Amino acid sequence: MPGDVAFMGSVGTAEGESVWNRMAAIIRKHALDIRLLMDAHDRRNRGFVDVSTFRRSLCYAFGNQWIELAMTSREFEEICLPYRSRVPYSKGEPEAFIMWQKFASDLQTLANTRRPSSNFLAKLEQVEAKERLDQELQAKWGLDMFTLTSALHAVKDRLLTYNTSINKAFQRIDANNNGTVNRAEILAFFQDAHIGNIVNQKTLDVIMAYCDENNDDEINYNELAALIMTGDILSKGVPEKRAIKKEMRVGSRKIPVSQLRKAQRLIAERLLTKFDSVREALRFIDTDGSGSISRDEVKEMLSRFNLLEYTDFYTGQKRGDLSEEVVDTFLEACEEISLANDSDVRIEADEFTKVLMAEDIVGDFNLQQHHDD
């Protein structure tokens, strides 16, 4: 832009005033009709053009006065902002269009009446409000609005790729089926989505802060769905940054509660898919016919069902949903009952069933709890 080049600087009309006043002053001085002059570049008469065409159109409209106007790249961005159709949220999306007819009409009104129209002032107020929110967001969270909005769009696209609604998608994320989703569950869902550079711990912290009113790291489906589907995320302002409560860990191996509940759900689903009841499954597991099962027998069963983590011999990749540490912690709950009954670390069928079908695997059993916050 001419204003970016130092040697092209000159003392022109309305020198030192804002770019809007400089444009208006030149239009009055030379009796220009900016609406007719810019119309030549909108060949399809759609009322909007791409950014490059808008720049050429503006240069053509001011003609010989384009250098005198000395508009900088920053000022060009300033006059475009109120008239952008949208901004691209990810790579590959088309650039924004500029609503040139609205721009030309507002600018001509400013030039003719020396007063901005109410519509023009409203647009400027919206831009200024977004700029203030963007600055506040960066000060509190170290994020800009573009990054946060891009993350929300990525979340929405990912959730609706294989689901008919946001709520149905959340049911897939909700590992423990308790009607809420937490930070760990959301991150686990998106870790293989190839958008980790957008949906990450930083952006997720802001998203959670909008919905997690009691700061317990749990959000119900409707709260998160409303945030993701809204067109104006910052209409309620920027949330305060609070200390994040870390997820409680249980057992001697300090396993996150969400992982333990996921193990409980997956084991129950797999057993009841293969067998009519848990007891029948345990008879299948009890290879030595002793009437009880050991850790090794449980792990052998989980390996057969491809639940226990293992390294693929051919690819070297890790497979399976449950780590050995998570399974050991699950079995600790079963052994707590055994030790309370007869000090025998082997697990009876009733004991295993009780833990597997428990509504609250953490609260109902005497697992050691660890608080990190």
Protein backbone atom coordinates (compact mmCIF):
# COMPACT_ATOMS: atom_id res chain seq x y z
CA MET A 1 0.00 0.00 0.00
CA PRO A 2 1.28 3.55 -0.76
CA GLY A 3 1.31 4.57 2.90
CA ASP A 4 3.73 1.75 3.71
CA VAL A 5 6.43 3.25 1.48
CA ALA A 6 8.28 6.08 3.20
CA PHE A 7 9.49 8.00 0.13
CA MET A 8 5.90 8.19 -1.21
CA GLY A 9 4.76 10.15 1.85
CA SER A 10 3.46 13.62 1.10
CA VAL A 11 1.35 16.35 2.64
CA GLY A 12 -2.10 15.59 1.26
CA THR A 13 -5.74 16.39 1.89
CA ALA A 14 -6.79 15.95 5.55
CA GLU A 15 -3.25 15.00 6.46
CA GLY A 16 -2.98 13.54 9.98
CA GLU A 17 -6.65 12.55 10.24
CA SER A 18 -8.10 9.03 10.26
CA VAL A 19 -8.25 7.08 7.00
CA TRP A 20 -12.04 7.48 6.92
CA ASN A 21 -11.82 11.29 7.15
CA ARG A 22 -9.02 11.42 4.57
CA MET A 23 -11.10 9.40 2.09
CA ALA A 24 -14.19 11.55 2.77
CA ALA A 25 -12.21 14.77 2.30
CA ILE A 26 -10.81 13.65 -1.08
CA ILE A 27 -14.28 12.58 -2.24
CA ARG A 28 -15.68 16.03 -1.40
CA LYS A 29 -12.73 17.89 -2.90
CA HIS A 30 -12.94 16.10 -6.25
CA ALA A 31 -16.73 15.51 -6.29
CA LEU A 32 -16.32 11.76 -6.60
CA ASP A 33 -19.18 9.25 -6.46
CA ILE A 34 -17.45 6.31 -4.88
CA ARG A 35 -20.49 4.07 -5.43
CA LEU A 36 -20.42 4.41 -9.24
CA LEU A 37 -16.63 4.20 -9.47
CA MET A 38 -16.36 0.97 -7.44
CA ASP A 39 -19.30 -0.66 -9.23
CA ALA A 40 -17.17 -1.27 -12.33
CA HIS A 41 -15.31 -4.11 -10.63
CA ASP A 42 -18.42 -5.99 -9.50
CA ARG A 43 -19.14 -7.53 -12.89
CA ARG A 44 -21.86 -9.86 -11.59
CA ASN A 45 -23.47 -7.12 -9.50
CA ARG A 46 -23.49 -9.28 -6.37
CA GLY A 47 -22.65 -6.50 -3.93
CA PHE A 48 -19.47 -8.19 -2.70
CA VAL A 49 -16.00 -8.95 -4.08
CA ASP A 50 -12.88 -10.67 -2.84
CA VAL A 51 -10.24 -8.69 -0.94
CA SER A 52 -7.86 -8.30 -3.91
CA THR A 53 -10.65 -7.03 -6.18
CA PHE A 54 -11.80 -4.64 -3.46
CA ARG A 55 -8.29 -3.21 -3.21
CA ARG A 56 -8.10 -2.70 -7.00
CA SER A 57 -11.57 -1.19 -7.02
CA LEU A 58 -10.64 1.29 -4.31
CA CYS A 59 -7.44 2.26 -6.12
CA TYR A 60 -9.40 2.80 -9.36
CA ALA A 61 -12.05 4.88 -7.58
CA PHE A 62 -9.53 7.34 -6.11
CA GLY A 63 -7.47 7.45 -9.33
CA ASN A 64 -4.71 10.06 -9.19
CA GLN A 65 -5.52 10.74 -5.54
CA TRP A 66 -4.62 7.16 -4.49
CA ILE A 67 -1.01 8.14 -3.73
CA GLU A 68 -2.15 11.32 -1.94
CA LEU A 69 -4.47 9.22 0.26
CA ALA A 70 -1.37 7.29 1.44
CA MET A 71 -3.38 4.44 2.91
CA THR A 72 -1.29 1.88 4.83
CA SER A 73 -1.85 -1.87 4.95
CA ARG A 74 -3.05 -1.54 8.52
CA GLU A 75 -5.58 1.13 7.53
CA PHE A 76 -6.76 -1.02 4.64
CA GLU A 77 -7.39 -3.85 7.07
CA GLU A 78 -9.25 -1.41 9.32
CA ILE A 79 -11.71 -0.35 6.62
CA CYS A 80 -12.24 -3.96 5.50
CA LEU A 81 -13.08 -5.36 8.95
CA PRO A 82 -16.64 -3.96 9.29
CA TYR A 83 -17.58 -5.28 5.85
CA ARG A 84 -16.07 -8.78 5.83
CA SER A 85 -18.53 -11.55 5.07
CA ARG A 86 -16.63 -14.00 7.33
CA VAL A 87 -13.10 -15.11 8.08
CA PRO A 88 -11.60 -18.48 7.15
CA TYR A 89 -11.25 -20.75 10.18
CA SER A 90 -8.86 -23.32 8.76
CA LYS A 91 -6.38 -23.81 5.94
CA GLY A 92 -7.96 -24.32 2.54
CA GLU A 93 -11.10 -22.34 3.25
CA PRO A 94 -11.86 -19.42 0.90
CA GLU A 95 -10.85 -15.91 1.86
CA ALA A 96 -13.46 -13.48 3.13
CA PHE A 97 -15.49 -11.34 0.75
CA ILE A 98 -15.91 -7.59 1.23
CA MET A 99 -19.43 -6.14 1.08
CA TRP A 100 -18.31 -3.26 -1.12
CA GLN A 101 -21.76 -1.72 -1.76
CA LYS A 102 -22.36 -1.21 1.98
CA PHE A 103 -18.84 0.18 2.32
CA ALA A 104 -19.29 2.62 -0.59
CA SER A 105 -22.70 3.76 0.65
CA ASP A 106 -21.42 4.44 4.19
CA LEU A 107 -18.31 6.23 2.90
CA GLN A 108 -20.33 8.40 0.48
CA THR A 109 -22.72 9.37 3.31
CA LEU A 110 -19.75 10.35 5.48
CA ALA A 111 -18.32 12.46 2.65
CA ASN A 112 -21.62 14.17 1.75
CA THR A 113 -22.97 14.89 5.24
CA ARG A 114 -19.69 15.00 7.17
CA ARG A 115 -21.42 12.66 9.63
CA PRO A 116 -21.26 8.89 9.73
CA SER A 117 -24.54 7.02 9.30
CA SER A 118 -25.98 5.08 12.25
CA ASN A 119 -25.34 1.88 10.33
CA PHE A 120 -21.69 2.82 9.88
CA LEU A 121 -21.28 3.64 13.58
CA ALA A 122 -22.87 0.33 14.54
CA LYS A 123 -20.40 -1.55 12.35
CA LEU A 124 -17.44 0.30 13.85
CA GLU A 125 -18.73 -0.41 17.36
CA GLN A 126 -18.92 -4.12 16.57
CA VAL A 127 -15.34 -4.11 15.28
CA GLU A 128 -14.08 -2.18 18.30
CA ALA A 129 -15.94 -4.50 20.68
CA LYS A 130 -14.35 -7.56 19.05
CA GLU A 131 -10.94 -5.92 19.26
CA ARG A 132 -11.43 -5.24 22.98
CA LEU A 133 -12.53 -8.82 23.58
CA ASP A 134 -9.60 -10.12 21.56
CA GLN A 135 -7.17 -8.11 23.69
CA GLU A 136 -8.84 -9.30 26.89
CA LEU A 137 -8.76 -12.91 25.69
CA GLN A 138 -5.05 -12.67 24.92
CA ALA A 139 -4.32 -11.00 28.27
CA LYS A 140 -6.19 -13.62 30.31
CA TRP A 141 -5.65 -16.79 28.32
CA GLY A 142 -2.85 -16.10 25.82
CA LEU A 143 -5.21 -16.88 22.90
CA ASP A 144 -6.72 -14.77 20.14
CA MET A 145 -10.31 -14.96 18.95
CA PHE A 146 -9.34 -16.51 15.63
CA THR A 147 -7.63 -19.47 17.33
CA LEU A 148 -10.49 -20.01 19.76
CA THR A 149 -13.17 -19.75 17.08
CA SER A 150 -11.18 -22.09 14.83
CA ALA A 151 -11.04 -24.63 17.66
CA LEU A 152 -14.81 -24.48 18.14
CA HIS A 153 -15.41 -24.96 14.41
CA ALA A 154 -13.00 -27.91 14.37
CA VAL A 155 -14.82 -29.46 17.34
CA LYS A 156 -18.19 -28.96 15.69
CA ASP A 157 -17.06 -30.43 12.34
CA ARG A 158 -15.47 -33.42 14.05
CA LEU A 159 -18.53 -34.15 16.19
CA LEU A 160 -20.95 -33.94 13.28
CA THR A 161 -18.84 -36.02 10.90
CA TYR A 162 -20.16 -39.35 12.18
CA ASN A 163 -23.16 -38.23 14.25
CA THR A 164 -26.57 -36.75 13.47
CA SER A 165 -26.44 -34.32 16.40
CA ILE A 166 -24.00 -32.81 18.89
CA ASN A 167 -25.68 -34.60 21.80
CA LYS A 168 -25.32 -38.01 20.14
CA ALA A 169 -21.66 -37.23 19.57
CA PHE A 170 -21.17 -36.40 23.26
CA GLN A 171 -22.60 -39.78 24.18
CA ARG A 172 -19.64 -41.31 22.35
CA ILE A 173 -17.20 -39.09 24.24
CA ASP A 174 -18.79 -39.77 27.64
CA ALA A 175 -16.67 -42.75 28.65
CA ASN A 176 -18.41 -43.38 31.98
CA ASN A 177 -21.95 -42.66 30.73
CA ASN A 178 -22.67 -40.22 33.57
CA GLY A 179 -24.27 -37.53 31.42
CA THR A 180 -21.28 -35.18 31.51
CA VAL A 181 -17.94 -34.91 29.74
CA ASN A 182 -14.65 -33.78 31.22
CA ARG A 183 -11.41 -32.40 29.85
CA ALA A 184 -9.68 -35.79 29.72
CA GLU A 185 -12.56 -37.41 27.80
CA ILE A 186 -12.68 -34.62 25.22
CA LEU A 187 -8.92 -34.64 24.66
CA ALA A 188 -8.96 -38.44 24.32
CA PHE A 189 -11.67 -38.17 21.65
CA PHE A 190 -9.71 -35.63 19.61
CA GLN A 191 -6.19 -37.00 20.02
CA ASP A 192 -6.40 -38.99 16.76
CA ALA A 193 -8.41 -36.41 14.83
CA HIS A 194 -5.35 -34.69 13.28
CA ILE A 195 -6.45 -31.35 14.76
CA GLY A 196 -4.39 -31.49 17.95
CA ASN A 197 -2.71 -28.22 17.02
CA ILE A 198 -6.13 -26.52 17.25
CA VAL A 199 -8.09 -28.52 19.84
CA ASN A 200 -5.48 -28.73 22.57
CA GLN A 201 -5.17 -28.17 26.30
CA LYS A 202 -5.01 -24.40 25.88
CA THR A 203 -8.12 -23.92 23.74
CA LEU A 204 -9.99 -26.57 25.70
CA ASP A 205 -9.34 -24.73 28.98
CA VAL A 206 -11.13 -21.65 27.59
CA ILE A 207 -14.03 -23.71 26.22
CA MET A 208 -14.42 -25.48 29.57
CA ALA A 209 -14.31 -22.16 31.46
CA TYR A 210 -17.36 -20.90 29.53
CA CYS A 211 -19.49 -23.86 30.62
CA ASP A 212 -17.98 -25.24 33.84
CA GLU A 213 -19.65 -22.88 36.30
CA ASN A 214 -18.72 -24.82 39.45
CA ASN A 215 -15.17 -25.56 38.22
CA ASP A 216 -15.48 -29.33 38.76
CA ASP A 217 -14.17 -30.20 35.27
CA GLU A 218 -17.54 -31.70 34.30
CA ILE A 219 -19.90 -30.24 31.66
CA ASN A 220 -23.31 -31.55 30.67
CA TYR A 221 -24.13 -32.08 26.99
CA ASN A 222 -26.53 -29.16 26.63
CA GLU A 223 -24.07 -26.60 28.02
CA LEU A 224 -21.30 -27.57 25.63
CA ALA A 225 -23.66 -28.03 22.67
CA ALA A 226 -25.08 -24.52 23.19
CA LEU A 227 -21.58 -23.04 23.22
CA ILE A 228 -20.43 -24.90 20.10
CA MET A 229 -23.57 -24.15 18.08
CA THR A 230 -23.72 -20.43 18.94
CA GLY A 231 -22.54 -18.00 16.31
CA ASP A 232 -21.13 -15.50 18.80
CA ILE A 233 -18.97 -17.21 21.41
CA LEU A 234 -17.81 -14.01 23.10
CA SER A 235 -21.25 -12.44 23.52
CA LYS A 236 -21.02 -13.19 27.24
CA GLY A 237 -17.54 -11.72 27.53
CA VAL A 238 -14.24 -13.42 28.33
CA PRO A 239 -14.38 -15.94 31.19
CA GLU A 240 -12.11 -15.50 34.16
CA LYS A 241 -9.11 -17.75 34.38
CA ARG A 242 -9.40 -20.07 37.36
CA ALA A 243 -7.22 -22.75 38.82
CA ILE A 244 -8.13 -26.00 37.08
CA LYS A 245 -9.04 -28.79 39.43
CA LYS A 246 -7.00 -31.78 38.47
CA GLU A 247 -8.78 -35.08 38.07
CA MET A 248 -8.79 -37.27 41.15
CA ARG A 249 -6.60 -40.37 40.94
CA VAL A 250 -7.22 -43.64 42.72
CA GLY A 251 -5.43 -46.84 43.69
CA SER A 252 -1.80 -47.50 44.42
CA ARG A 253 -0.93 -46.64 40.82
CA LYS A 254 -2.73 -43.26 40.91
CA ILE A 255 -4.94 -43.89 37.88
CA PRO A 256 -7.34 -41.08 36.79
CA VAL A 257 -10.93 -41.82 37.74
CA SER A 258 -12.11 -41.39 34.15
CA GLN A 259 -9.76 -44.16 32.97
CA LEU A 260 -10.96 -46.51 35.69
CA ARG A 261 -14.61 -45.91 34.80
CA LYS A 262 -13.80 -46.41 31.12
CA ALA A 263 -12.21 -49.77 31.98
CA GLN A 264 -15.30 -50.79 33.95
CA ARG A 265 -17.57 -49.90 31.03
CA LEU A 266 -15.46 -51.59 28.34
CA ILE A 267 -14.98 -54.82 30.29
CA ALA A 268 -18.71 -55.05 31.06
CA GLU A 269 -19.66 -54.38 27.44
CA ARG A 270 -17.22 -56.95 26.08
CA LEU A 271 -18.18 -59.70 28.54
CA LEU A 272 -21.92 -59.23 28.08
CA THR A 273 -21.47 -59.23 24.32
CA LYS A 274 -19.71 -62.59 24.41
CA PHE A 275 -21.64 -64.20 27.28
CA ASP A 276 -25.17 -64.16 28.70
CA SER A 277 -23.96 -63.13 32.16
CA VAL A 278 -20.81 -62.07 34.01
CA ARG A 279 -20.85 -65.34 35.98
CA GLU A 280 -20.79 -67.37 32.75
CA ALA A 281 -17.87 -65.27 31.53
CA LEU A 282 -15.96 -65.91 34.76
CA ARG A 283 -16.47 -69.67 34.43
CA PHE A 284 -14.84 -69.32 31.04
CA ILE A 285 -11.97 -67.36 32.59
CA ASP A 286 -11.43 -69.82 35.46
CA THR A 287 -9.04 -72.04 33.56
CA ASP A 288 -7.95 -74.08 36.58
CA GLY A 289 -11.51 -74.73 37.80
CA SER A 290 -10.82 -73.38 41.30
CA GLY A 291 -14.04 -71.34 41.49
CA SER A 292 -12.13 -68.08 41.71
CA ILE A 293 -9.95 -66.07 39.35
CA SER A 294 -6.55 -64.44 39.58
CA ARG A 295 -5.12 -61.28 38.05
CA ASP A 296 -3.31 -63.31 35.39
CA GLU A 297 -6.51 -65.08 34.38
CA VAL A 298 -8.37 -61.78 34.04
CA LYS A 299 -5.56 -60.29 31.96
CA GLU A 300 -5.47 -63.40 29.78
CA MET A 301 -9.20 -62.94 29.10
CA LEU A 302 -8.77 -59.23 28.29
CA SER A 303 -5.93 -60.10 25.91
CA ARG A 304 -8.17 -62.58 24.08
CA PHE A 305 -10.80 -59.88 23.71
CA ASN A 306 -8.16 -57.36 22.48
CA LEU A 307 -8.84 -55.02 25.39
CA LEU A 308 -5.48 -55.17 27.13
CA GLU A 309 -2.79 -53.01 25.55
CA TYR A 310 -0.12 -54.81 23.55
CA THR A 311 2.45 -53.98 20.89
CA ASP A 312 1.68 -55.24 17.39
CA PHE A 313 4.50 -57.54 16.31
CA TYR A 314 4.35 -56.45 12.67
CA THR A 315 3.76 -52.70 12.92
CA GLY A 316 5.23 -51.90 16.34
CA GLN A 317 2.09 -49.89 17.16
CA LYS A 318 0.24 -50.11 20.47
CA ARG A 319 -3.18 -51.71 20.33
CA GLY A 320 -5.91 -52.29 22.89
CA ASP A 321 -7.90 -49.82 24.98
CA LEU A 322 -6.75 -50.57 28.53
CA SER A 323 -3.27 -50.32 30.00
CA GLU A 324 -2.10 -52.94 32.48
CA GLU A 325 -1.96 -50.26 35.22
CA VAL A 326 -5.65 -49.42 34.71
CA VAL A 327 -6.63 -53.11 34.80
CA ASP A 328 -4.57 -53.64 37.97
CA THR A 329 -6.37 -50.71 39.62
CA PHE A 330 -9.74 -52.14 38.61
CA LEU A 331 -8.75 -55.45 40.18
CA GLU A 332 -7.67 -53.66 43.36
CA ALA A 333 -11.34 -52.83 43.95
CA CYS A 334 -12.23 -56.52 43.58
CA GLU A 335 -9.42 -57.56 45.91
CA GLU A 336 -10.54 -55.06 48.55
CA ILE A 337 -13.70 -57.18 48.96
CA SER A 338 -11.69 -60.42 49.01
CA LEU A 339 -9.29 -59.18 51.64
CA ALA A 340 -12.16 -57.93 53.77
CA ASN A 341 -13.77 -61.39 53.62
CA ASP A 342 -10.99 -63.95 53.95
CA SER A 343 -7.63 -62.29 53.25
CA ASP A 344 -7.43 -64.22 49.97
CA VAL A 345 -6.25 -62.17 46.99
CA ARG A 346 -8.06 -64.44 44.53
CA ILE A 347 -11.34 -63.00 43.31
CA GLU A 348 -14.71 -64.72 43.60
CA ALA A 349 -17.32 -64.38 40.85
CA ASP A 350 -19.69 -62.39 43.06
CA GLU A 351 -16.93 -59.98 44.02
CA PHE A 352 -15.90 -59.37 40.42
CA THR A 353 -19.54 -58.91 39.35
CA LYS A 354 -20.20 -56.44 42.17
CA VAL A 355 -17.32 -54.19 41.06
CA LEU A 356 -18.06 -54.57 37.36
CA MET A 357 -21.72 -53.55 37.72
CA ALA A 358 -21.25 -50.88 40.44
CA GLU A 359 -22.83 -47.48 39.77
CA ASP A 360 -19.92 -45.69 41.47
CA ILE A 361 -16.75 -47.73 41.28
CA VAL A 362 -14.82 -45.05 43.18
CA GLY A 363 -17.27 -44.27 45.97
CA ASP A 364 -18.50 -47.80 46.62
CA PHE A 365 -15.09 -49.39 47.21
CA ASN A 366 -12.16 -48.58 49.44
CA LEU A 367 -9.74 -47.42 46.76
CA GLN A 368 -6.97 -45.11 47.89
CA GLN A 369 -7.67 -41.60 46.58
CA HIS A 370 -5.08 -38.97 45.60
CA HIS A 371 -5.81 -35.25 45.21
CA ASP A 372 -3.29 -33.28 43.15
CA ASP A 373 -4.75 -29.77 43.50
